[in-house]
Amino acid sequence: MELLRTSENPQYRYSLAFLGFGGGNPAQAEIELTYNWDTTSYDLGTAYGHIALGVPDAYAACDKIRTAGGHITREPGPVQGGTTVIAFVTDPDGYKIELIQRQDDNAAGTGLH
């Protein structure tokens, strides 16, 4: 894997590093690593956060998930300190899944693909 890009957010005190192969997203999957500046340690299991999926329209995806009986834990909207639209849902086992609205899509109202 190679470091594809980094992002700093001093206001919310975190840094992001994106790793992947072959240039990364959208042709290849990426791993996002988060460094929370004020966290000094994690318990076994708490260092894993969630899986993220790119969707054309996070608002429509949440509507579809909600209609199917799914649980939205963070309504769609811009990420803190940024403009990327995200949402969080919880699977039946309680694991979080982040939905990230792909910025290169102009697919309002199309739902999940």
PDB file of N, CA and C in Angstrom:
ATOM      1  N   MET A   1       0.851  -1.178   0.000  1.00  0.00           N
ATOM      2  CA  MET A   1       0.000   0.000   0.000  1.00  0.00           C
ATOM      3  C   MET A   1       0.890   1.232   0.000  1.00  0.00           C
ATOM      4  N   GLU A   2       0.323   2.295  -0.531  1.00  0.00           N
ATOM      5  CA  GLU A   2       1.043   3.559  -0.535  1.00  0.00           C
ATOM      6  C   GLU A   2       0.166   4.644   0.076  1.00  0.00           C
ATOM      7  N   LEU A   3       0.810   5.657   0.612  1.00  0.00           N
ATOM      8  CA  LEU A   3       0.094   6.800   1.145  1.00  0.00           C
ATOM      9  C   LEU A   3      -0.447   7.604  -0.032  1.00  0.00           C
ATOM     10  N   LEU A   4      -1.766   7.727  -0.119  1.00  0.00           N
ATOM     11  CA  LEU A   4      -2.397   8.419  -1.233  1.00  0.00           C
ATOM     12  C   LEU A   4      -2.601   9.902  -0.956  1.00  0.00           C
ATOM     13  N   ARG A   5      -3.008  10.216   0.271  1.00  0.00           N
ATOM     14  CA  ARG A   5      -3.220  11.617   0.642  1.00  0.00           C
ATOM     15  C   ARG A   5      -3.402  11.710   2.155  1.00  0.00           C
ATOM     16  N   THR A   6      -3.263  12.920   2.662  1.00  0.00           N
ATOM     17  CA  THR A   6      -3.482  13.180   4.084  1.00  0.00           C
ATOM     18  C   THR A   6      -4.389  14.394   4.224  1.00  0.00           C
ATOM     19  N   SER A   7      -4.953  14.522   5.415  1.00  0.00           N
ATOM     20  CA  SER A   7      -5.835  15.641   5.715  1.00  0.00           C
ATOM     21  C   SER A   7      -5.689  15.969   7.193  1.00  0.00           C
ATOM     22  N   GLU A   8      -5.571  17.249   7.507  1.00  0.00           N
ATOM     23  CA  GLU A   8      -5.449  17.704   8.887  1.00  0.00           C
ATOM     24  C   GLU A   8      -6.683  18.512   9.258  1.00  0.00           C
ATOM     25  N   ASN A   9      -7.192  18.312  10.471  1.00  0.00           N
ATOM     26  CA  ASN A   9      -8.316  19.097  10.945  1.00  0.00           C
ATOM     27  C   ASN A   9      -8.023  19.589  12.363  1.00  0.00           C
ATOM     28  N   PRO A  10      -7.296  20.720  12.479  1.00  0.00           N
ATOM     29  CA  PRO A  10      -6.922  21.236  13.795  1.00  0.00           C
ATOM     30  C   PRO A  10      -8.121  21.597  14.674  1.00  0.00           C
ATOM     31  N   GLN A  11      -9.193  22.106  14.079  1.00  0.00           N
ATOM     32  CA  GLN A  11     -10.350  22.518  14.879  1.00  0.00           C
ATOM     33  C   GLN A  11     -10.944  21.339  15.650  1.00  0.00           C
ATOM     34  N   TYR A  12     -11.036  20.168  15.012  1.00  0.00           N
ATOM     35  CA  TYR A  12     -11.600  18.987  15.661  1.00  0.00           C
ATOM     36  C   TYR A  12     -10.535  18.004  16.110  1.00  0.00           C
ATOM     37  N   ARG A  13      -9.258  18.392  15.963  1.00  0.00           N
ATOM     38  CA  ARG A  13      -8.100  17.704  16.517  1.00  0.00           C
ATOM     39  C   ARG A  13      -7.954  16.261  16.020  1.00  0.00           C
ATOM     40  N   TYR A  14      -7.955  16.109  14.704  1.00  0.00           N
ATOM     41  CA  TYR A  14      -7.666  14.802  14.133  1.00  0.00           C
ATOM     42  C   TYR A  14      -6.928  14.955  12.811  1.00  0.00           C
ATOM     43  N   SER A  15      -6.216  13.903  12.436  1.00  0.00           N
ATOM     44  CA  SER A  15      -5.518  13.814  11.156  1.00  0.00           C
ATOM     45  C   SER A  15      -5.976  12.546  10.466  1.00  0.00           C
ATOM     46  N   LEU A  16      -6.034  12.586   9.140  1.00  0.00           N
ATOM     47  CA  LEU A  16      -6.412  11.418   8.355  1.00  0.00           C
ATOM     48  C   LEU A  16      -5.289  11.060   7.394  1.00  0.00           C
ATOM     49  N   ALA A  17      -5.103   9.762   7.188  1.00  0.00           N
ATOM     50  CA  ALA A  17      -4.182   9.262   6.175  1.00  0.00           C
ATOM     51  C   ALA A  17      -4.930   8.208   5.371  1.00  0.00           C
ATOM     52  N   PHE A  18      -4.870   8.315   4.045  1.00  0.00           N
ATOM     53  CA  PHE A  18      -5.556   7.381   3.159  1.00  0.00           C
ATOM     54  C   PHE A  18      -4.510   6.534   2.456  1.00  0.00           C
ATOM     55  N   LEU A  19      -4.640   5.205   2.578  1.00  0.00           N
ATOM     56  CA  LEU A  19      -3.703   4.262   1.989  1.00  0.00           C
ATOM     57  C   LEU A  19      -4.434   3.401   0.966  1.00  0.00           C
ATOM     58  N   GLY A  20      -3.719   3.005  -0.072  1.00  0.00           N
ATOM     59  CA  GLY A  20      -4.333   2.145  -1.070  1.00  0.00           C
ATOM     60  C   GLY A  20      -3.336   1.707  -2.118  1.00  0.00           C
ATOM     61  N   PHE A  21      -3.856   1.002  -3.093  1.00  0.00           N
ATOM     62  CA  PHE A  21      -3.069   0.510  -4.221  1.00  0.00           C
ATOM     63  C   PHE A  21      -3.555   1.190  -5.499  1.00  0.00           C
ATOM     64  N   GLY A  22      -2.675   1.304  -6.469  1.00  0.00           N
ATOM     65  CA  GLY A  22      -3.061   1.740  -7.804  1.00  0.00           C
ATOM     66  C   GLY A  22      -3.780   3.071  -7.858  1.00  0.00           C
ATOM     67  N   GLY A  23      -3.399   4.018  -7.032  1.00  0.00           N
ATOM     68  CA  GLY A  23      -4.042   5.324  -7.070  1.00  0.00           C
ATOM     69  C   GLY A  23      -5.294   5.430  -6.230  1.00  0.00           C
ATOM     70  N   GLY A  24      -5.782   4.316  -5.709  1.00  0.00           N
ATOM     71  CA  GLY A  24      -6.917   4.347  -4.797  1.00  0.00           C
ATOM     72  C   GLY A  24      -8.263   4.534  -5.453  1.00  0.00           C
ATOM     73  N   ASN A  25      -9.136   5.143  -4.700  1.00  0.00           N
ATOM     74  CA  ASN A  25     -10.538   5.350  -5.039  1.00  0.00           C
ATOM     75  C   ASN A  25     -10.700   6.158  -6.317  1.00  0.00           C
ATOM     76  N   PRO A  26     -11.605   5.866  -7.231  1.00  0.00           N
ATOM     77  CA  PRO A  26     -12.632   4.839  -7.126  1.00  0.00           C
ATOM     78  C   PRO A  26     -12.245   3.491  -7.727  1.00  0.00           C
ATOM     79  N   ALA A  27     -11.099   3.409  -8.382  1.00  0.00           N
ATOM     80  CA  ALA A  27     -10.724   2.144  -9.027  1.00  0.00           C
ATOM     81  C   ALA A  27     -10.357   1.052  -8.018  1.00  0.00           C
ATOM     82  N   GLN A  28      -9.801   1.446  -6.879  1.00  0.00           N
ATOM     83  CA  GLN A  28      -9.369   0.504  -5.855  1.00  0.00           C
ATOM     84  C   GLN A  28      -9.876   0.968  -4.494  1.00  0.00           C
ATOM     85  N   ALA A  29     -10.026   0.031  -3.594  1.00  0.00           N
ATOM     86  CA  ALA A  29     -10.441   0.361  -2.231  1.00  0.00           C
ATOM     87  C   ALA A  29      -9.328   1.112  -1.509  1.00  0.00           C
ATOM     88  N   GLU A  30      -9.716   1.906  -0.535  1.00  0.00           N
ATOM     89  CA  GLU A  30      -8.773   2.638   0.299  1.00  0.00           C
ATOM     90  C   GLU A  30      -9.018   2.292   1.757  1.00  0.00           C
ATOM     91  N   ILE A  31      -7.985   2.487   2.561  1.00  0.00           N
ATOM     92  CA  ILE A  31      -8.115   2.413   4.009  1.00  0.00           C
ATOM     93  C   ILE A  31      -7.871   3.815   4.544  1.00  0.00           C
ATOM     94  N   GLU A  32      -8.769   4.279   5.407  1.00  0.00           N
ATOM     95  CA  GLU A  32      -8.620   5.574   6.052  1.00  0.00           C
ATOM     96  C   GLU A  32      -8.180   5.342   7.483  1.00  0.00           C
ATOM     97  N   LEU A  33      -7.047   5.904   7.845  1.00  0.00           N
ATOM     98  CA  LEU A  33      -6.552   5.825   9.213  1.00  0.00           C
ATOM     99  C   LEU A  33      -6.754   7.178   9.871  1.00  0.00           C
ATOM    100  N   THR A  34      -7.304   7.176  11.073  1.00  0.00           N
ATOM    101  CA  THR A  34      -7.560   8.415  11.805  1.00  0.00           C
ATOM    102  C   THR A  34      -6.657   8.476  13.024  1.00  0.00           C
ATOM    103  N   TYR A  35      -5.979   9.608  13.174  1.00  0.00           N
ATOM    104  CA  TYR A  35      -5.209   9.874  14.381  1.00  0.00           C
ATOM    105  C   TYR A  35      -5.968  10.950  15.159  1.00  0.00           C
ATOM    106  N   ASN A  36      -6.549  10.557  16.297  1.00  0.00           N
ATOM    107  CA  ASN A  36      -7.239  11.487  17.190  1.00  0.00           C
ATOM    108  C   ASN A  36      -6.204  12.059  18.142  1.00  0.00           C
ATOM    109  N   TRP A  37      -5.934  13.343  18.015  1.00  0.00           N
ATOM    110  CA  TRP A  37      -4.799  13.969  18.686  1.00  0.00           C
ATOM    111  C   TRP A  37      -4.811  13.787  20.201  1.00  0.00           C
ATOM    112  N   ASP A  38      -5.967  13.755  20.821  1.00  0.00           N
ATOM    113  CA  ASP A  38      -6.026  13.718  22.283  1.00  0.00           C
ATOM    114  C   ASP A  38      -6.223  12.317  22.855  1.00  0.00           C
ATOM    115  N   THR A  39      -6.238  11.298  22.009  1.00  0.00           N
ATOM    116  CA  THR A  39      -6.405   9.927  22.486  1.00  0.00           C
ATOM    117  C   THR A  39      -5.029   9.323  22.711  1.00  0.00           C
ATOM    118  N   THR A  40      -4.769   8.886  23.936  1.00  0.00           N
ATOM    119  CA  THR A  40      -3.443   8.355  24.257  1.00  0.00           C
ATOM    120  C   THR A  40      -3.384   6.841  24.166  1.00  0.00           C
ATOM    121  N   SER A  41      -4.545   6.154  24.248  1.00  0.00           N
ATOM    122  CA  SER A  41      -4.537   4.699  24.124  1.00  0.00           C
ATOM    123  C   SER A  41      -5.939   4.211  23.779  1.00  0.00           C
ATOM    124  N   TYR A  42      -5.989   3.011  23.272  1.00  0.00           N
ATOM    125  CA  TYR A  42      -7.248   2.357  22.941  1.00  0.00           C
ATOM    126  C   TYR A  42      -7.281   1.000  23.626  1.00  0.00           C
ATOM    127  N   ASP A  43      -8.455   0.549  24.008  1.00  0.00           N
ATOM    128  CA  ASP A  43      -8.623  -0.808  24.499  1.00  0.00           C
ATOM    129  C   ASP A  43      -8.719  -1.739  23.302  1.00  0.00           C
ATOM    130  N   LEU A  44      -8.413  -2.991  23.499  1.00  0.00           N
ATOM    131  CA  LEU A  44      -8.531  -3.967  22.430  1.00  0.00           C
ATOM    132  C   LEU A  44      -9.941  -3.908  21.868  1.00  0.00           C
ATOM    133  N   GLY A  45     -10.048  -3.682  20.572  1.00  0.00           N
ATOM    134  CA  GLY A  45     -11.351  -3.606  19.928  1.00  0.00           C
ATOM    135  C   GLY A  45     -11.852  -2.202  19.696  1.00  0.00           C
ATOM    136  N   THR A  46     -11.393  -1.214  20.465  1.00  0.00           N
ATOM    137  CA  THR A  46     -11.895   0.140  20.277  1.00  0.00           C
ATOM    138  C   THR A  46     -11.124   0.912  19.208  1.00  0.00           C
ATOM    139  N   ALA A  47     -10.017   0.388  18.751  1.00  0.00           N
ATOM    140  CA  ALA A  47      -9.258   1.070  17.710  1.00  0.00           C
ATOM    141  C   ALA A  47      -9.899   0.875  16.341  1.00  0.00           C
ATOM    142  N   TYR A  48     -10.773  -0.107  16.226  1.00  0.00           N
ATOM    143  CA  TYR A  48     -11.506  -0.315  14.977  1.00  0.00           C
ATOM    144  C   TYR A  48     -12.774   0.506  15.030  1.00  0.00           C
ATOM    145  N   GLY A  49     -12.964   1.345  14.039  1.00  0.00           N
ATOM    146  CA  GLY A  49     -14.122   2.221  14.055  1.00  0.00           C
ATOM    147  C   GLY A  49     -15.292   1.687  13.269  1.00  0.00           C
ATOM    148  N   HIS A  50     -15.137   1.614  11.948  1.00  0.00           N
ATOM    149  CA  HIS A  50     -16.268   1.259  11.114  1.00  0.00           C
ATOM    150  C   HIS A  50     -15.813   1.036   9.673  1.00  0.00           C
ATOM    151  N   ILE A  51     -16.714   0.513   8.885  1.00  0.00           N
ATOM    152  CA  ILE A  51     -16.519   0.363   7.443  1.00  0.00           C
ATOM    153  C   ILE A  51     -17.208   1.545   6.772  1.00  0.00           C
ATOM    154  N   ALA A  52     -16.647   2.040   5.686  1.00  0.00           N
ATOM    155  CA  ALA A  52     -17.259   3.138   4.943  1.00  0.00           C
ATOM    156  C   ALA A  52     -17.517   2.704   3.506  1.00  0.00           C
ATOM    157  N   LEU A  53     -18.657   3.125   2.986  1.00  0.00           N
ATOM    158  CA  LEU A  53     -19.041   2.838   1.616  1.00  0.00           C
ATOM    159  C   LEU A  53     -19.341   4.129   0.881  1.00  0.00           C
ATOM    160  N   GLY A  54     -18.858   4.246  -0.350  1.00  0.00           N
ATOM    161  CA  GLY A  54     -19.190   5.393  -1.179  1.00  0.00           C
ATOM    162  C   GLY A  54     -20.559   5.186  -1.810  1.00  0.00           C
ATOM    163  N   VAL A  55     -21.386   6.206  -1.754  1.00  0.00           N
ATOM    164  CA  VAL A  55     -22.724   6.159  -2.354  1.00  0.00           C
ATOM    165  C   VAL A  55     -22.921   7.417  -3.186  1.00  0.00           C
ATOM    166  N   PRO A  56     -23.757   7.333  -4.225  1.00  0.00           N
ATOM    167  CA  PRO A  56     -23.998   8.516  -5.051  1.00  0.00           C
ATOM    168  C   PRO A  56     -24.741   9.617  -4.310  1.00  0.00           C
ATOM    169  N   ASP A  57     -25.638   9.246  -3.390  1.00  0.00           N
ATOM    170  CA  ASP A  57     -26.479  10.219  -2.704  1.00  0.00           C
ATOM    171  C   ASP A  57     -26.765   9.701  -1.294  1.00  0.00           C
ATOM    172  N   ALA A  58     -26.101  10.262  -0.295  1.00  0.00           N
ATOM    173  CA  ALA A  58     -26.254   9.789   1.086  1.00  0.00           C
ATOM    174  C   ALA A  58     -27.664  10.012   1.612  1.00  0.00           C
ATOM    175  N   TYR A  59     -28.310  11.090   1.193  1.00  0.00           N
ATOM    176  CA  TYR A  59     -29.675  11.376   1.650  1.00  0.00           C
ATOM    177  C   TYR A  59     -30.645  10.304   1.140  1.00  0.00           C
ATOM    178  N   ALA A  60     -30.555   9.980  -0.135  1.00  0.00           N
ATOM    179  CA  ALA A  60     -31.434   8.954  -0.719  1.00  0.00           C
ATOM    180  C   ALA A  60     -31.115   7.577  -0.140  1.00  0.00           C
ATOM    181  N   ALA A  61     -29.835   7.300   0.084  1.00  0.00           N
ATOM    182  CA  ALA A  61     -29.447   6.008   0.655  1.00  0.00           C
ATOM    183  C   ALA A  61     -30.052   5.850   2.040  1.00  0.00           C
ATOM    184  N   CYS A  62     -29.993   6.907   2.858  1.00  0.00           N
ATOM    185  CA  CYS A  62     -30.572   6.839   4.208  1.00  0.00           C
ATOM    186  C   CYS A  62     -32.083   6.673   4.143  1.00  0.00           C
ATOM    187  N   ASP A  63     -32.728   7.358   3.218  1.00  0.00           N
ATOM    188  CA  ASP A  63     -34.180   7.190   3.057  1.00  0.00           C
ATOM    189  C   ASP A  63     -34.518   5.743   2.727  1.00  0.00           C
ATOM    190  N   LYS A  64     -33.747   5.144   1.834  1.00  0.00           N
ATOM    191  CA  LYS A  64     -33.982   3.760   1.434  1.00  0.00           C
ATOM    192  C   LYS A  64     -33.734   2.803   2.602  1.00  0.00           C
ATOM    193  N   ILE A  65     -32.669   3.031   3.350  1.00  0.00           N
ATOM    194  CA  ILE A  65     -32.341   2.186   4.506  1.00  0.00           C
ATOM    195  C   ILE A  65     -33.416   2.332   5.583  1.00  0.00           C
ATOM    196  N   ARG A  66     -33.839   3.558   5.842  1.00  0.00           N
ATOM    197  CA  ARG A  66     -34.878   3.816   6.846  1.00  0.00           C
ATOM    198  C   ARG A  66     -36.188   3.127   6.449  1.00  0.00           C
ATOM    199  N   THR A  67     -36.566   3.239   5.189  1.00  0.00           N
ATOM    200  CA  THR A  67     -37.794   2.613   4.685  1.00  0.00           C
ATOM    201  C   THR A  67     -37.747   1.103   4.845  1.00  0.00           C
ATOM    202  N   ALA A  68     -36.568   0.529   4.709  1.00  0.00           N
ATOM    203  CA  ALA A  68     -36.406  -0.925   4.855  1.00  0.00           C
ATOM    204  C   ALA A  68     -36.293  -1.348   6.320  1.00  0.00           C
ATOM    205  N   GLY A  69     -36.402  -0.388   7.255  1.00  0.00           N
ATOM    206  CA  GLY A  69     -36.340  -0.723   8.676  1.00  0.00           C
ATOM    207  C   GLY A  69     -34.979  -0.555   9.305  1.00  0.00           C
ATOM    208  N   GLY A  70     -34.031  -0.002   8.562  1.00  0.00           N
ATOM    209  CA  GLY A  70     -32.684   0.193   9.085  1.00  0.00           C
ATOM    210  C   GLY A  70     -32.619   1.356  10.062  1.00  0.00           C
ATOM    211  N   HIS A  71     -31.521   1.413  10.804  1.00  0.00           N
ATOM    212  CA  HIS A  71     -31.332   2.422  11.857  1.00  0.00           C
ATOM    213  C   HIS A  71     -30.261   3.419  11.427  1.00  0.00           C
ATOM    214  N   ILE A  72     -30.654   4.684  11.290  1.00  0.00           N
ATOM    215  CA  ILE A  72     -29.727   5.760  10.958  1.00  0.00           C
ATOM    216  C   ILE A  72     -29.230   6.350  12.278  1.00  0.00           C
ATOM    217  N   THR A  73     -27.917   6.326  12.501  1.00  0.00           N
ATOM    218  CA  THR A  73     -27.376   6.849  13.755  1.00  0.00           C
ATOM    219  C   THR A  73     -26.797   8.249  13.614  1.00  0.00           C
ATOM    220  N   ARG A  74     -26.539   8.674  12.393  1.00  0.00           N
ATOM    221  CA  ARG A  74     -26.147  10.060  12.109  1.00  0.00           C
ATOM    222  C   ARG A  74     -26.776  10.416  10.781  1.00  0.00           C
ATOM    223  N   GLU A  75     -27.661  11.388  10.812  1.00  0.00           N
ATOM    224  CA  GLU A  75     -28.335  11.813   9.592  1.00  0.00           C
ATOM    225  C   GLU A  75     -27.326  12.390   8.602  1.00  0.00           C
ATOM    226  N   PRO A  76     -27.601  12.316   7.309  1.00  0.00           N
ATOM    227  CA  PRO A  76     -26.680  12.851   6.312  1.00  0.00           C
ATOM    228  C   PRO A  76     -26.424  14.340   6.502  1.00  0.00           C
ATOM    229  N   GLY A  77     -25.196  14.724   6.276  1.00  0.00           N
ATOM    230  CA  GLY A  77     -24.795  16.124   6.351  1.00  0.00           C
ATOM    231  C   GLY A  77     -23.291  16.221   6.250  1.00  0.00           C
ATOM    232  N   PRO A  78     -22.775  17.442   6.150  1.00  0.00           N
ATOM    233  CA  PRO A  78     -21.326  17.623   6.011  1.00  0.00           C
ATOM    234  C   PRO A  78     -20.566  17.117   7.236  1.00  0.00           C
ATOM    235  N   VAL A  79     -19.395  16.549   6.979  1.00  0.00           N
ATOM    236  CA  VAL A  79     -18.502  16.109   8.044  1.00  0.00           C
ATOM    237  C   VAL A  79     -18.029  17.335   8.818  1.00  0.00           C
ATOM    238  N   GLN A  80     -17.784  17.172  10.123  1.00  0.00           N
ATOM    239  CA  GLN A  80     -17.298  18.295  10.924  1.00  0.00           C
ATOM    240  C   GLN A  80     -16.010  18.837  10.336  1.00  0.00           C
ATOM    241  N   GLY A  81     -15.979  20.114  10.095  1.00  0.00           N
ATOM    242  CA  GLY A  81     -14.781  20.754   9.587  1.00  0.00           C
ATOM    243  C   GLY A  81     -14.562  20.558   8.098  1.00  0.00           C
ATOM    244  N   GLY A  82     -15.566  20.072   7.370  1.00  0.00           N
ATOM    245  CA  GLY A  82     -15.408  19.832   5.940  1.00  0.00           C
ATOM    246  C   GLY A  82     -16.712  19.978   5.188  1.00  0.00           C
ATOM    247  N   THR A  83     -16.693  19.548   3.937  1.00  0.00           N
ATOM    248  CA  THR A  83     -17.881  19.665   3.094  1.00  0.00           C
ATOM    249  C   THR A  83     -18.398  18.322   2.602  1.00  0.00           C
ATOM    250  N   THR A  84     -17.634  17.256   2.783  1.00  0.00           N
ATOM    251  CA  THR A  84     -18.066  15.941   2.331  1.00  0.00           C
ATOM    252  C   THR A  84     -19.292  15.505   3.124  1.00  0.00           C
ATOM    253  N   VAL A  85     -20.327  15.072   2.415  1.00  0.00           N
ATOM    254  CA  VAL A  85     -21.562  14.619   3.062  1.00  0.00           C
ATOM    255  C   VAL A  85     -21.394  13.165   3.486  1.00  0.00           C
ATOM    256  N   ILE A  86     -21.657  12.917   4.776  1.00  0.00           N
ATOM    257  CA  ILE A  86     -21.584  11.560   5.311  1.00  0.00           C
ATOM    258  C   ILE A  86     -22.837  11.264   6.124  1.00  0.00           C
ATOM    259  N   ALA A  87     -23.040  10.001   6.412  1.00  0.00           N
ATOM    260  CA  ALA A  87     -24.096   9.543   7.314  1.00  0.00           C
ATOM    261  C   ALA A  87     -23.589   8.262   7.953  1.00  0.00           C
ATOM    262  N   PHE A  88     -24.209   7.853   9.051  1.00  0.00           N
ATOM    263  CA  PHE A  88     -23.880   6.581   9.686  1.00  0.00           C
ATOM    264  C   PHE A  88     -25.149   5.779   9.889  1.00  0.00           C
ATOM    265  N   VAL A  89     -25.039   4.494   9.613  1.00  0.00           N
ATOM    266  CA  VAL A  89     -26.108   3.547   9.894  1.00  0.00           C
ATOM    267  C   VAL A  89     -25.506   2.445  10.759  1.00  0.00           C
ATOM    268  N   THR A  90     -26.377   1.713  11.424  1.00  0.00           N
ATOM    269  CA  THR A  90     -25.919   0.607  12.256  1.00  0.00           C
ATOM    270  C   THR A  90     -26.496  -0.677  11.703  1.00  0.00           C
ATOM    271  N   ASP A  91     -25.655  -1.690  11.536  1.00  0.00           N
ATOM    272  CA  ASP A  91     -26.149  -2.973  11.031  1.00  0.00           C
ATOM    273  C   ASP A  91     -26.878  -3.713  12.160  1.00  0.00           C
ATOM    274  N   PRO A  92     -27.546  -4.830  11.846  1.00  0.00           N
ATOM    275  CA  PRO A  92     -28.316  -5.543  12.879  1.00  0.00           C
ATOM    276  C   PRO A  92     -27.488  -6.007  14.079  1.00  0.00           C
ATOM    277  N   ASP A  93     -26.163  -6.144  13.912  1.00  0.00           N
ATOM    278  CA  ASP A  93     -25.305  -6.552  15.020  1.00  0.00           C
ATOM    279  C   ASP A  93     -24.752  -5.372  15.810  1.00  0.00           C
ATOM    280  N   GLY A  94     -25.094  -4.153  15.394  1.00  0.00           N
ATOM    281  CA  GLY A  94     -24.652  -2.966  16.112  1.00  0.00           C
ATOM    282  C   GLY A  94     -23.377  -2.330  15.584  1.00  0.00           C
ATOM    283  N   TYR A  95     -22.832  -2.840  14.484  1.00  0.00           N
ATOM    284  CA  TYR A  95     -21.627  -2.249  13.908  1.00  0.00           C
ATOM    285  C   TYR A  95     -21.985  -1.042  13.053  1.00  0.00           C
ATOM    286  N   LYS A  96     -21.139  -0.016  13.103  1.00  0.00           N
ATOM    287  CA  LYS A  96     -21.380   1.197  12.338  1.00  0.00           C
ATOM    288  C   LYS A  96     -20.903   1.044  10.898  1.00  0.00           C
ATOM    289  N   ILE A  97     -21.660   1.637   9.989  1.00  0.00           N
ATOM    290  CA  ILE A  97     -21.285   1.729   8.583  1.00  0.00           C
ATOM    291  C   ILE A  97     -21.443   3.190   8.183  1.00  0.00           C
ATOM    292  N   GLU A  98     -20.362   3.763   7.677  1.00  0.00           N
ATOM    293  CA  GLU A  98     -20.401   5.152   7.220  1.00  0.00           C
ATOM    294  C   GLU A  98     -20.754   5.177   5.747  1.00  0.00           C
ATOM    295  N   LEU A  99     -21.649   6.059   5.378  1.00  0.00           N
ATOM    296  CA  LEU A  99     -21.975   6.305   3.973  1.00  0.00           C
ATOM    297  C   LEU A  99     -21.336   7.629   3.593  1.00  0.00           C
ATOM    298  N   ILE A 100     -20.514   7.602   2.550  1.00  0.00           N
ATOM    299  CA  ILE A 100     -19.829   8.809   2.098  1.00  0.00           C
ATOM    300  C   ILE A 100     -20.361   9.148   0.710  1.00  0.00           C
ATOM    301  N   GLN A 101     -20.945  10.326   0.592  1.00  0.00           N
ATOM    302  CA  GLN A 101     -21.461  10.743  -0.704  1.00  0.00           C
ATOM    303  C   GLN A 101     -20.292  11.072  -1.608  1.00  0.00           C
ATOM    304  N   ARG A 102     -20.208  10.353  -2.711  1.00  0.00           N
ATOM    305  CA  ARG A 102     -19.115  10.566  -3.656  1.00  0.00           C
ATOM    306  C   ARG A 102     -19.254  11.954  -4.259  1.00  0.00           C
ATOM    307  N   GLN A 103     -18.199  12.722  -4.187  1.00  0.00           N
ATOM    308  CA  GLN A 103     -18.241  14.103  -4.648  1.00  0.00           C
ATOM    309  C   GLN A 103     -18.238  14.223  -6.161  1.00  0.00           C
ATOM    310  N   ASP A 104     -17.813  13.180  -6.851  1.00  0.00           N
ATOM    311  CA  ASP A 104     -17.766  13.247  -8.308  1.00  0.00           C
ATOM    312  C   ASP A 104     -19.084  12.849  -8.950  1.00  0.00           C
ATOM    313  N   ASP A 105     -20.049  12.406  -8.139  1.00  0.00           N
ATOM    314  CA  ASP A 105     -21.352  12.010  -8.668  1.00  0.00           C
ATOM    315  C   ASP A 105     -22.340  13.163  -8.559  1.00  0.00           C
ATOM    316  N   ASN A 106     -23.156  13.290  -9.547  1.00  0.00           N
ATOM    317  CA  ASN A 106     -24.283  14.219  -9.490  1.00  0.00           C
ATOM    318  C   ASN A 106     -25.517  13.358  -9.616  1.00  0.00           C
ATOM    319  N   ALA A 107     -25.786  12.590  -8.542  1.00  0.00           N
ATOM    320  CA  ALA A 107     -26.776  11.525  -8.637  1.00  0.00           C
ATOM    321  C   ALA A 107     -27.883  11.684  -7.600  1.00  0.00           C
ATOM    322  N   ALA A 108     -28.291  12.904  -7.335  1.00  0.00           N
ATOM    323  CA  ALA A 108     -29.327  13.119  -6.326  1.00  0.00           C
ATOM    324  C   ALA A 108     -30.560  12.306  -6.663  1.00  0.00           C
ATOM    325  N   GLY A 109     -31.051  11.614  -5.629  1.00  0.00           N
ATOM    326  CA  GLY A 109     -32.281  10.870  -5.798  1.00  0.00           C
ATOM    327  C   GLY A 109     -32.118   9.490  -6.394  1.00  0.00           C
ATOM    328  N   THR A 110     -30.890   9.025  -6.612  1.00  0.00           N
ATOM    329  CA  THR A 110     -30.725   7.730  -7.245  1.00  0.00           C
ATOM    330  C   THR A 110     -30.685   6.579  -6.258  1.00  0.00           C
ATOM    331  N   GLY A 111     -30.410   6.858  -4.982  1.00  0.00           N
ATOM    332  CA  GLY A 111     -30.374   5.798  -3.978  1.00  0.00           C
ATOM    333  C   GLY A 111     -29.118   4.958  -4.077  1.00  0.00           C
ATOM    334  N   LEU A 112     -29.152   3.808  -3.438  1.00  0.00           N
ATOM    335  CA  LEU A 112     -28.003   2.907  -3.422  1.00  0.00           C
ATOM    336  C   LEU A 112     -27.852   2.178  -4.745  1.00  0.00           C
ATOM    337  N   HIS A 113     -26.625   1.884  -5.103  1.00  0.00           N
ATOM    338  CA  HIS A 113     -26.329   1.077  -6.285  1.00  0.00           C
ATOM    339  C   HIS A 113     -25.543  -0.127  -5.880  1.00  0.00           C
TER     340      HIS A 113
END
